[in-house]
PDB file of N, CA and C in Angstrom:
ATOM      1  N   UNK A   1      -4.904  -8.269  22.702  1.00  0.00           N
ATOM      2  CA  UNK A   1      -5.637  -8.396  21.096  1.00  0.00           C
ATOM      3  C   UNK A   1      -4.997  -9.257  20.362  1.00  0.00           C
ATOM      4  N   UNK A   2      -6.221 -10.205  19.620  1.00  0.00           N
ATOM      5  CA  UNK A   2      -5.961 -10.845  18.796  1.00  0.00           C
ATOM      6  C   UNK A   2      -5.982 -11.156  17.236  1.00  0.00           C
ATOM      7  N   UNK A   3      -5.392 -11.312  16.274  1.00  0.00           N
ATOM      8  CA  UNK A   3      -5.399 -11.262  15.294  1.00  0.00           C
ATOM      9  C   UNK A   3      -5.602 -12.682  14.080  1.00  0.00           C
ATOM     10  N   UNK A   4      -6.661 -12.234  13.581  1.00  0.00           N
ATOM     11  CA  UNK A   4      -6.770 -13.455  12.695  1.00  0.00           C
ATOM     12  C   UNK A   4      -5.729 -13.665  11.417  1.00  0.00           C
ATOM     13  N   UNK A   5      -5.258 -14.901  11.211  1.00  0.00           N
ATOM     14  CA  UNK A   5      -4.169 -14.361   9.810  1.00  0.00           C
ATOM     15  C   UNK A   5      -4.540 -15.477   9.420  1.00  0.00           C
ATOM     16  N   UNK A   6      -4.432 -15.243   7.801  1.00  0.00           N
ATOM     17  CA  UNK A   6      -4.540 -15.837   6.615  1.00  0.00           C
ATOM     18  C   UNK A   6      -4.742 -17.332   6.990  1.00  0.00           C
ATOM     19  N   UNK A   7      -5.707 -18.300   6.744  1.00  0.00           N
ATOM     20  CA  UNK A   7      -5.830 -19.656   7.044  1.00  0.00           C
ATOM     21  C   UNK A   7      -4.842 -20.213   5.624  1.00  0.00           C
ATOM     22  N   UNK A   8      -4.321 -19.930   4.448  1.00  0.00           N
ATOM     23  CA  UNK A   8      -3.092 -20.077   3.368  1.00  0.00           C
ATOM     24  C   UNK A   8      -2.386 -19.043   3.483  1.00  0.00           C
ATOM     25  N   UNK A   9      -0.844 -19.287   3.902  1.00  0.00           N
ATOM     26  CA  UNK A   9      -0.283 -18.247   3.598  1.00  0.00           C
ATOM     27  C   UNK A   9       1.218 -18.964   3.118  1.00  0.00           C
ATOM     28  N   UNK A  10       1.420 -18.539   1.764  1.00  0.00           N
ATOM     29  CA  UNK A  10       2.661 -19.654   0.887  1.00  0.00           C
ATOM     30  C   UNK A  10       3.890 -18.662   0.703  1.00  0.00           C
ATOM     31  N   UNK A  11       4.416 -17.768   1.843  1.00  0.00           N
ATOM     32  CA  UNK A  11       5.671 -17.402   1.260  1.00  0.00           C
ATOM     33  C   UNK A  11       5.829 -15.837   2.029  1.00  0.00           C
ATOM     34  N   UNK A  12       6.888 -15.249   0.924  1.00  0.00           N
ATOM     35  CA  UNK A  12       6.790 -14.126   1.123  1.00  0.00           C
ATOM     36  C   UNK A  12       5.780 -13.131   0.445  1.00  0.00           C
ATOM     37  N   UNK A  13       5.916 -11.984   0.795  1.00  0.00           N
ATOM     38  CA  UNK A  13       4.753 -10.743   0.278  1.00  0.00           C
ATOM     39  C   UNK A  13       5.215 -10.807  -1.242  1.00  0.00           C
ATOM     40  N   UNK A  14       3.682 -10.572  -1.988  1.00  0.00           N
ATOM     41  CA  UNK A  14       3.770 -10.594  -2.959  1.00  0.00           C
ATOM     42  C   UNK A  14       3.591  -8.903  -3.564  1.00  0.00           C
ATOM     43  N   UNK A  15       4.076  -8.241  -4.621  1.00  0.00           N
ATOM     44  CA  UNK A  15       3.166  -6.881  -4.481  1.00  0.00           C
ATOM     45  C   UNK A  15       2.250  -6.866  -5.816  1.00  0.00           C
ATOM     46  N   UNK A  16       1.180  -6.657  -5.758  1.00  0.00           N
ATOM     47  CA  UNK A  16      -0.307  -6.436  -6.419  1.00  0.00           C
ATOM     48  C   UNK A  16      -0.048  -5.084  -7.316  1.00  0.00           C
ATOM     49  N   UNK A  17      -0.816  -4.989  -8.084  1.00  0.00           N
ATOM     50  CA  UNK A  17      -1.700  -3.801  -8.285  1.00  0.00           C
ATOM     51  C   UNK A  17      -1.492  -2.920  -7.649  1.00  0.00           C
ATOM     52  N   UNK A  18      -1.331  -1.557  -8.059  1.00  0.00           N
ATOM     53  CA  UNK A  18      -1.067  -0.156  -6.960  1.00  0.00           C
ATOM     54  C   UNK A  18      -2.247   0.385  -6.780  1.00  0.00           C
ATOM     55  N   UNK A  19      -2.939   0.758  -5.667  1.00  0.00           N
ATOM     56  CA  UNK A  19      -3.757   1.658  -5.394  1.00  0.00           C
ATOM     57  C   UNK A  19      -3.965   3.052  -6.358  1.00  0.00           C
ATOM     58  N   UNK A  20      -3.347   3.684  -5.688  1.00  0.00           N
ATOM     59  CA  UNK A  20      -2.961   4.932  -7.203  1.00  0.00           C
ATOM     60  C   UNK A  20      -1.493   5.455  -7.297  1.00  0.00           C
ATOM     61  N   UNK A  21      -1.203   6.270  -8.147  1.00  0.00           N
ATOM     62  CA  UNK A  21       0.053   6.614  -8.826  1.00  0.00           C
ATOM     63  C   UNK A  21      -0.480   7.850  -9.204  1.00  0.00           C
ATOM     64  N   UNK A  22       0.047   9.014  -8.619  1.00  0.00           N
ATOM     65  CA  UNK A  22      -0.353  10.577  -8.826  1.00  0.00           C
ATOM     66  C   UNK A  22       1.058  11.263  -8.886  1.00  0.00           C
ATOM     67  N   UNK A  23       1.059  12.198  -9.846  1.00  0.00           N
ATOM     68  CA  UNK A  23       1.973  13.305 -10.242  1.00  0.00           C
ATOM     69  C   UNK A  23       1.538  14.551 -10.319  1.00  0.00           C
ATOM     70  N   UNK A  24       2.378  15.509  -9.689  1.00  0.00           N
ATOM     71  CA  UNK A  24       2.084  17.164  -9.191  1.00  0.00           C
ATOM     72  C   UNK A  24       3.072  17.328  -9.986  1.00  0.00           C
ATOM     73  N   UNK A  25       2.687  18.547 -10.972  1.00  0.00           N
ATOM     74  CA  UNK A  25       4.350  19.251 -11.154  1.00  0.00           C
ATOM     75  C   UNK A  25       4.260  20.485  -9.870  1.00  0.00           C
ATOM     76  N   UNK A  26       5.449  20.542 -10.330  1.00  0.00           N
ATOM     77  CA  UNK A  26       6.246  21.337  -8.906  1.00  0.00           C
ATOM     78  C   UNK A  26       7.381  22.433  -9.613  1.00  0.00           C
ATOM     79  N   UNK A  27       6.713  23.373 -10.461  1.00  0.00           N
ATOM     80  CA  UNK A  27       7.974  24.032 -11.047  1.00  0.00           C
ATOM     81  C   UNK A  27       8.132  23.526 -12.429  1.00  0.00           C
ATOM     82  N   UNK A  28       9.302  23.319 -12.142  1.00  0.00           N
ATOM     83  CA  UNK A  28       9.829  22.395 -13.459  1.00  0.00           C
ATOM     84  C   UNK A  28      10.030  20.931 -13.316  1.00  0.00           C
ATOM     85  N   UNK A  29       9.499  20.751 -11.716  1.00  0.00           N
ATOM     86  CA  UNK A  29      10.333  19.008 -11.902  1.00  0.00           C
ATOM     87  C   UNK A  29       8.666  18.723 -11.018  1.00  0.00           C
ATOM     88  N   UNK A  30       8.594  17.330 -11.595  1.00  0.00           N
ATOM     89  CA  UNK A  30       7.514  16.789 -10.905  1.00  0.00           C
ATOM     90  C   UNK A  30       7.649  16.048  -9.730  1.00  0.00           C
ATOM     91  N   UNK A  31       6.340  16.042  -8.591  1.00  0.00           N
ATOM     92  CA  UNK A  31       6.226  14.754  -7.742  1.00  0.00           C
ATOM     93  C   UNK A  31       5.714  13.758  -7.631  1.00  0.00           C
ATOM     94  N   UNK A  32       5.942  12.512  -7.479  1.00  0.00           N
ATOM     95  CA  UNK A  32       5.194  11.506  -7.697  1.00  0.00           C
ATOM     96  C   UNK A  32       5.119  10.712  -6.759  1.00  0.00           C
ATOM     97  N   UNK A  33       3.593  10.482  -6.278  1.00  0.00           N
ATOM     98  CA  UNK A  33       3.058   9.551  -4.930  1.00  0.00           C
ATOM     99  C   UNK A  33       2.429   7.982  -5.379  1.00  0.00           C
ATOM    100  N   UNK A  34       2.903   7.364  -5.420  1.00  0.00           N
ATOM    101  CA  UNK A  34       2.586   5.868  -5.181  1.00  0.00           C
ATOM    102  C   UNK A  34       2.111   4.990  -3.854  1.00  0.00           C
ATOM    103  N   UNK A  35       1.035   4.455  -4.092  1.00  0.00           N
ATOM    104  CA  UNK A  35       0.622   3.625  -3.042  1.00  0.00           C
ATOM    105  C   UNK A  35       0.617   1.536  -3.557  1.00  0.00           C
ATOM    106  N   UNK A  36       1.758   1.585  -3.185  1.00  0.00           N
ATOM    107  CA  UNK A  36       1.595   0.073  -3.404  1.00  0.00           C
ATOM    108  C   UNK A  36       0.965  -0.698  -2.606  1.00  0.00           C
ATOM    109  N   UNK A  37       0.401  -1.899  -3.063  1.00  0.00           N
ATOM    110  CA  UNK A  37      -0.536  -2.817  -2.580  1.00  0.00           C
ATOM    111  C   UNK A  37       0.610  -4.235  -2.202  1.00  0.00           C
ATOM    112  N   UNK A  38       0.458  -4.487  -1.130  1.00  0.00           N
ATOM    113  CA  UNK A  38       1.407  -6.172  -0.969  1.00  0.00           C
ATOM    114  C   UNK A  38       0.724  -7.117  -0.041  1.00  0.00           C
ATOM    115  N   UNK A  39       1.026  -8.494  -0.257  1.00  0.00           N
ATOM    116  CA  UNK A  39       0.186  -9.301   0.185  1.00  0.00           C
ATOM    117  C   UNK A  39       0.716  -9.528   1.772  1.00  0.00           C
ATOM    118  N   UNK A  40       0.094  -9.493   2.373  1.00  0.00           N
ATOM    119  CA  UNK A  40       0.647  -9.820   3.815  1.00  0.00           C
ATOM    120  C   UNK A  40      -0.444 -11.068   4.862  1.00  0.00           C
ATOM    121  N   UNK A  41       0.174 -11.394   5.838  1.00  0.00           N
ATOM    122  CA  UNK A  41      -0.444 -12.700   6.428  1.00  0.00           C
ATOM    123  C   UNK A  41      -1.812 -12.564   6.741  1.00  0.00           C
ATOM    124  N   UNK A  42      -1.827 -11.061   7.254  1.00  0.00           N
ATOM    125  CA  UNK A  42      -3.347 -10.677   7.624  1.00  0.00           C
ATOM    126  C   UNK A  42      -3.847  -9.817   7.017  1.00  0.00           C
ATOM    127  N   UNK A  43      -3.876  -9.980   5.820  1.00  0.00           N
ATOM    128  CA  UNK A  43      -4.517  -9.063   4.435  1.00  0.00           C
ATOM    129  C   UNK A  43      -3.677  -8.546   3.342  1.00  0.00           C
ATOM    130  N   UNK A  44      -3.638  -7.525   3.426  1.00  0.00           N
ATOM    131  CA  UNK A  44      -2.773  -6.469   2.418  1.00  0.00           C
ATOM    132  C   UNK A  44      -2.320  -5.329   3.573  1.00  0.00           C
ATOM    133  N   UNK A  45      -0.952  -4.739   2.293  1.00  0.00           N
ATOM    134  CA  UNK A  45       0.182  -3.809   3.384  1.00  0.00           C
ATOM    135  C   UNK A  45      -0.235  -2.704   2.089  1.00  0.00           C
ATOM    136  N   UNK A  46      -0.174  -1.250   2.421  1.00  0.00           N
ATOM    137  CA  UNK A  46      -0.816  -0.380   1.681  1.00  0.00           C
ATOM    138  C   UNK A  46       0.739   0.521   2.087  1.00  0.00           C
ATOM    139  N   UNK A  47       1.508   0.668   0.748  1.00  0.00           N
ATOM    140  CA  UNK A  47       3.005   1.318   1.094  1.00  0.00           C
ATOM    141  C   UNK A  47       2.747   2.370   0.746  1.00  0.00           C
ATOM    142  N   UNK A  48       2.584   3.884   0.870  1.00  0.00           N
ATOM    143  CA  UNK A  48       3.101   4.961   0.320  1.00  0.00           C
ATOM    144  C   UNK A  48       4.369   5.617   0.096  1.00  0.00           C
ATOM    145  N   UNK A  49       4.661   6.077  -0.767  1.00  0.00           N
ATOM    146  CA  UNK A  49       6.255   6.330  -1.814  1.00  0.00           C
ATOM    147  C   UNK A  49       6.331   7.206  -2.414  1.00  0.00           C
ATOM    148  N   UNK A  50       6.769   8.410  -2.186  1.00  0.00           N
ATOM    149  CA  UNK A  50       7.043   9.445  -2.805  1.00  0.00           C
ATOM    150  C   UNK A  50       7.871   9.884  -3.551  1.00  0.00           C
ATOM    151  N   UNK A  51       8.341  10.457  -4.911  1.00  0.00           N
ATOM    152  CA  UNK A  51       9.411  10.224  -5.210  1.00  0.00           C
ATOM    153  C   UNK A  51      10.538   8.826  -5.076  1.00  0.00           C
ATOM    154  N   UNK A  52       9.803   8.055  -4.961  1.00  0.00           N
ATOM    155  CA  UNK A  52      11.409   6.974  -4.755  1.00  0.00           C
ATOM    156  C   UNK A  52      12.143   6.626  -3.829  1.00  0.00           C
ATOM    157  N   UNK A  53      11.478   7.609  -2.994  1.00  0.00           N
ATOM    158  CA  UNK A  53      12.601   8.161  -1.488  1.00  0.00           C
ATOM    159  C   UNK A  53      12.214   7.121  -0.448  1.00  0.00           C
ATOM    160  N   UNK A  54      11.751   6.085  -0.692  1.00  0.00           N
ATOM    161  CA  UNK A  54      11.540   4.763  -0.001  1.00  0.00           C
ATOM    162  C   UNK A  54      10.340   4.881   1.151  1.00  0.00           C
ATOM    163  N   UNK A  55       9.789   4.242   1.727  1.00  0.00           N
ATOM    164  CA  UNK A  55       8.698   4.107   2.360  1.00  0.00           C
ATOM    165  C   UNK A  55       8.424   5.579   3.362  1.00  0.00           C
ATOM    166  N   UNK A  56       7.109   5.723   2.785  1.00  0.00           N
ATOM    167  CA  UNK A  56       6.363   7.450   3.910  1.00  0.00           C
ATOM    168  C   UNK A  56       5.533   7.251   4.858  1.00  0.00           C
ATOM    169  N   UNK A  57       4.995   5.655   4.433  1.00  0.00           N
ATOM    170  CA  UNK A  57       3.816   5.046   5.620  1.00  0.00           C
ATOM    171  C   UNK A  57       3.490   4.038   4.873  1.00  0.00           C
ATOM    172  N   UNK A  58       3.091   3.060   6.144  1.00  0.00           N
ATOM    173  CA  UNK A  58       2.364   1.523   5.674  1.00  0.00           C
ATOM    174  C   UNK A  58       1.608   1.491   6.559  1.00  0.00           C
ATOM    175  N   UNK A  59       0.570   1.042   5.815  1.00  0.00           N
ATOM    176  CA  UNK A  59      -0.445   0.378   6.978  1.00  0.00           C
ATOM    177  C   UNK A  59      -1.165  -1.121   6.633  1.00  0.00           C
ATOM    178  N   UNK A  60      -1.593  -2.047   7.193  1.00  0.00           N
ATOM    179  CA  UNK A  60      -2.307  -3.356   7.069  1.00  0.00           C
ATOM    180  C   UNK A  60      -3.542  -3.276   7.543  1.00  0.00           C
ATOM    181  N   UNK A  61      -4.427  -3.771   6.389  1.00  0.00           N
ATOM    182  CA  UNK A  61      -5.379  -3.748   6.486  1.00  0.00           C
ATOM    183  C   UNK A  61      -5.717  -5.163   6.345  1.00  0.00           C
ATOM    184  N   UNK A  62      -7.521  -5.372   6.629  1.00  0.00           N
ATOM    185  CA  UNK A  62      -7.944  -6.592   6.561  1.00  0.00           C
ATOM    186  C   UNK A  62      -8.958  -6.939   5.876  1.00  0.00           C
ATOM    187  N   UNK A  63      -9.547  -5.892   4.809  1.00  0.00           N
ATOM    188  CA  UNK A  63     -11.037  -6.347   4.234  1.00  0.00           C
ATOM    189  C   UNK A  63     -10.268  -5.182   2.897  1.00  0.00           C
ATOM    190  N   UNK A  64     -10.932  -5.770   1.768  1.00  0.00           N
ATOM    191  CA  UNK A  64     -10.885  -5.096   0.516  1.00  0.00           C
ATOM    192  C   UNK A  64     -12.021  -3.537   0.884  1.00  0.00           C
ATOM    193  N   UNK A  65     -12.916  -3.418   1.549  1.00  0.00           N
ATOM    194  CA  UNK A  65     -13.301  -2.124   1.691  1.00  0.00           C
ATOM    195  C   UNK A  65     -12.056  -0.845   2.507  1.00  0.00           C
ATOM    196  N   UNK A  66     -11.666  -1.783   3.377  1.00  0.00           N
ATOM    197  CA  UNK A  66     -10.801  -1.090   4.479  1.00  0.00           C
ATOM    198  C   UNK A  66      -9.499  -0.695   3.744  1.00  0.00           C
ATOM    199  N   UNK A  67      -9.184  -1.336   2.627  1.00  0.00           N
ATOM    200  CA  UNK A  67      -7.803  -0.850   1.668  1.00  0.00           C
ATOM    201  C   UNK A  67      -8.231   0.097   0.830  1.00  0.00           C
ATOM    202  N   UNK A  68      -9.724  -0.111   0.341  1.00  0.00           N
ATOM    203  CA  UNK A  68     -10.078   1.296  -0.588  1.00  0.00           C
ATOM    204  C   UNK A  68     -10.269   2.516   0.306  1.00  0.00           C
ATOM    205  N   UNK A  69     -10.546   2.341   1.257  1.00  0.00           N
ATOM    206  CA  UNK A  69     -10.818   3.475   2.231  1.00  0.00           C
ATOM    207  C   UNK A  69      -9.698   4.218   2.876  1.00  0.00           C
ATOM    208  N   UNK A  70      -8.573   3.710   3.199  1.00  0.00           N
ATOM    209  CA  UNK A  70      -7.364   3.924   3.185  1.00  0.00           C
ATOM    210  C   UNK A  70      -6.317   4.540   2.552  1.00  0.00           C
ATOM    211  N   UNK A  71      -6.567   4.133   1.235  1.00  0.00           N
ATOM    212  CA  UNK A  71      -5.917   4.419   0.075  1.00  0.00           C
ATOM    213  C   UNK A  71      -6.716   5.760  -0.563  1.00  0.00           C
ATOM    214  N   UNK A  72      -7.963   6.531  -0.278  1.00  0.00           N
ATOM    215  CA  UNK A  72      -8.638   7.240  -0.463  1.00  0.00           C
ATOM    216  C   UNK A  72      -8.154   8.455   0.752  1.00  0.00           C
ATOM    217  N   UNK A  73      -8.063   7.940   2.125  1.00  0.00           N
ATOM    218  CA  UNK A  73      -7.493   8.863   2.845  1.00  0.00           C
ATOM    219  C   UNK A  73      -6.194   9.149   2.375  1.00  0.00           C
TER     220      UNK A  73
END
């Protein structure tokens, strides 16, 4: 399987605006989930983090439409 790489790639990944930020109250504490968006040679990488405990899930998408669909899921 071949993948198309961006024609212009100028270095390390950059963090972009978050796709979403959710907070849910659990008794006396709150749980927070953040879907970070990072630049990637093949498009964008979505990184799901829960309560700052590191990476829970990661997905690379090639289009803005695919990014929105993946973030909604």
